[in-house]
C-alpha atoms as a PDB file:
ATOM      1  CA  MET A   1     -19.507   8.852   6.407  1.00  0.00           C
ATOM      2  CA  THR A   2     -16.620   6.888   4.934  1.00  0.00           C
ATOM      3  CA  MET A   3     -14.202   4.690   6.811  1.00  0.00           C
ATOM      4  CA  PRO A   4     -10.624   5.976   7.087  1.00  0.00           C
ATOM      5  CA  ASP A   5      -8.051   4.343   4.831  1.00  0.00           C
ATOM      6  CA  PHE A   6      -5.436   2.445   6.851  1.00  0.00           C
ATOM      7  CA  CYS A   7      -2.293   0.656   5.719  1.00  0.00           C
ATOM      8  CA  ALA A   8      -2.707  -3.144   5.696  1.00  0.00           C
ATOM      9  CA  ALA A   9       0.834  -3.894   6.902  1.00  0.00           C
ATOM     10  CA  TYR A  10       0.923  -5.579  10.322  1.00  0.00           C
ATOM     11  CA  GLY A  11       1.716  -3.086  13.071  1.00  0.00           C
ATOM     12  CA  CYS A  12       1.503  -0.045  10.795  1.00  0.00           C
ATOM     13  CA  SER A  13      -0.749   2.711  12.111  1.00  0.00           C
ATOM     14  CA  ASN A  14      -0.509   4.997   9.073  1.00  0.00           C
ATOM     15  CA  HIS A  15      -3.806   6.142   7.655  1.00  0.00           C
ATOM     16  CA  ARG A  16      -4.608   8.529   4.852  1.00  0.00           C
ATOM     17  CA  SER A  17      -4.658  11.996   6.385  1.00  0.00           C
ATOM     18  CA  LEU A  18      -3.233  15.488   6.047  1.00  0.00           C
ATOM     19  CA  GLU A  19      -0.500  14.490   8.521  1.00  0.00           C
ATOM     20  CA  THR A  20       0.705  11.504   6.503  1.00  0.00           C
ATOM     21  CA  ARG A  21       0.480  13.471   3.266  1.00  0.00           C
ATOM     22  CA  THR A  22       2.613  16.229   4.827  1.00  0.00           C
ATOM     23  CA  ARG A  23       5.165  13.574   5.816  1.00  0.00           C
ATOM     24  CA  GLY A  24       5.291  12.407   2.180  1.00  0.00           C
ATOM     25  CA  ILE A  25       3.548   9.090   2.829  1.00  0.00           C
ATOM     26  CA  THR A  26       1.465   7.872  -0.081  1.00  0.00           C
ATOM     27  CA  PHE A  27      -1.084   5.045  -0.199  1.00  0.00           C
ATOM     28  CA  HIS A  28      -1.353   2.418  -2.911  1.00  0.00           C
ATOM     29  CA  VAL A  29      -4.208   0.043  -3.731  1.00  0.00           C
ATOM     30  CA  PHE A  30      -3.231  -3.592  -4.134  1.00  0.00           C
ATOM     31  CA  PRO A  31      -3.119  -4.795  -7.741  1.00  0.00           C
ATOM     32  CA  LYS A  32      -6.624  -5.838  -8.816  1.00  0.00           C
ATOM     33  CA  THR A  33      -5.937  -9.463  -9.727  1.00  0.00           C
ATOM     34  CA  GLY A  34      -3.332 -12.011 -10.611  1.00  0.00           C
ATOM     35  CA  GLU A  35       0.156 -12.931  -9.595  1.00  0.00           C
ATOM     36  CA  ARG A  36       1.240  -9.392  -8.641  1.00  0.00           C
ATOM     37  CA  ARG A  37      -1.637  -9.121  -6.154  1.00  0.00           C
ATOM     38  CA  ARG A  38      -0.732 -12.495  -4.634  1.00  0.00           C
ATOM     39  CA  GLN A  39       2.911 -11.403  -4.352  1.00  0.00           C
ATOM     40  CA  TRP A  40       1.853  -8.316  -2.393  1.00  0.00           C
ATOM     41  CA  GLU A  41      -0.330 -10.442  -0.083  1.00  0.00           C
ATOM     42  CA  VAL A  42       2.516 -12.899   0.568  1.00  0.00           C
ATOM     43  CA  ALA A  43       5.032 -10.074   1.095  1.00  0.00           C
ATOM     44  CA  LEU A  44       2.973  -8.789   4.040  1.00  0.00           C
ATOM     45  CA  ARG A  45       3.614 -12.096   5.861  1.00  0.00           C
ATOM     46  CA  ARG A  46       0.185 -12.103   7.508  1.00  0.00           C
ATOM     47  CA  ASP A  47      -1.210 -15.630   7.872  1.00  0.00           C
ATOM     48  CA  GLY A  48      -4.380 -16.075   5.855  1.00  0.00           C
ATOM     49  CA  PHE A  49      -4.422 -12.477   4.624  1.00  0.00           C
ATOM     50  CA  VAL A  50      -6.496 -11.828   1.502  1.00  0.00           C
ATOM     51  CA  SER A  51      -6.730  -8.291   0.155  1.00  0.00           C
ATOM     52  CA  SER A  52      -9.962  -6.658  -0.947  1.00  0.00           C
ATOM     53  CA  GLY A  53     -10.610  -4.119  -3.674  1.00  0.00           C
ATOM     54  CA  ARG A  54      -9.884  -1.322  -1.191  1.00  0.00           C
ATOM     55  CA  THR A  55      -6.837  -2.744   0.606  1.00  0.00           C
ATOM     56  CA  LEU A  56      -4.017  -0.199   0.821  1.00  0.00           C
ATOM     57  CA  LEU A  57      -0.315  -0.299   1.531  1.00  0.00           C
ATOM     58  CA  CYS A  58       1.554   2.855   2.507  1.00  0.00           C
ATOM     59  CA  SER A  59       4.789   3.970   0.893  1.00  0.00           C
ATOM     60  CA  GLU A  60       6.785   3.198   4.042  1.00  0.00           C
ATOM     61  CA  HIS A  61       6.707  -0.484   3.040  1.00  0.00           C
ATOM     62  CA  PHE A  62       8.338  -0.022  -0.363  1.00  0.00           C
ATOM     63  CA  ARG A  63      12.052   0.125  -1.009  1.00  0.00           C
ATOM     64  CA  SER A  64      13.570   3.546  -1.615  1.00  0.00           C
ATOM     65  CA  ASP A  65      13.822   2.941  -5.382  1.00  0.00           C
ATOM     66  CA  PHE A  66      10.026   2.945  -5.643  1.00  0.00           C
ATOM     67  CA  LYS A  67       9.024   5.420  -8.340  1.00  0.00           C
ATOM     68  CA  HIS A  68       6.023   7.685  -7.835  1.00  0.00           C
ATOM     69  CA  SER A  69       4.999  10.226 -10.416  1.00  0.00           C
ATOM     70  CA  LYS A  70       2.915  13.323  -9.825  1.00  0.00           C
ATOM     71  CA  SER A  71       0.431  12.071 -12.426  1.00  0.00           C
ATOM     72  CA  GLY A  72      -0.579   9.367  -9.971  1.00  0.00           C
ATOM     73  CA  SER A  73       0.908   6.481 -11.875  1.00  0.00           C
ATOM     74  CA  ASN A  74       3.179   4.304  -9.821  1.00  0.00           C
ATOM     75  CA  LYS A  75       5.777   1.761 -10.807  1.00  0.00           C
ATOM     76  CA  LYS A  76       5.322  -0.942  -8.169  1.00  0.00           C
ATOM     77  CA  HIS A  77       7.553  -3.883  -8.896  1.00  0.00           C
ATOM     78  CA  ASN A  78       7.669  -5.929  -5.721  1.00  0.00           C
ATOM     79  CA  HIS A  79       9.602  -3.253  -3.892  1.00  0.00           C
ATOM     80  CA  PHE A  80       8.762  -4.406  -0.387  1.00  0.00           C
END
């Protein structure tokens, strides 16, 4: 059995499910390495937070100009 995928944002209770998908909420894995990953971690404003390879952030924490394509590729440019 696998663990459910929850959003890492403090206070967010969204998790990957049929309900969130129906509401149009998408989930995005943190960048694998580097400065972009660190920017995402800092943007969450959670003291001492370090993301893992499976850490997710839901689309509710991106600005409205976030671009998501049906092919699954996302343009995530610090749009918190």
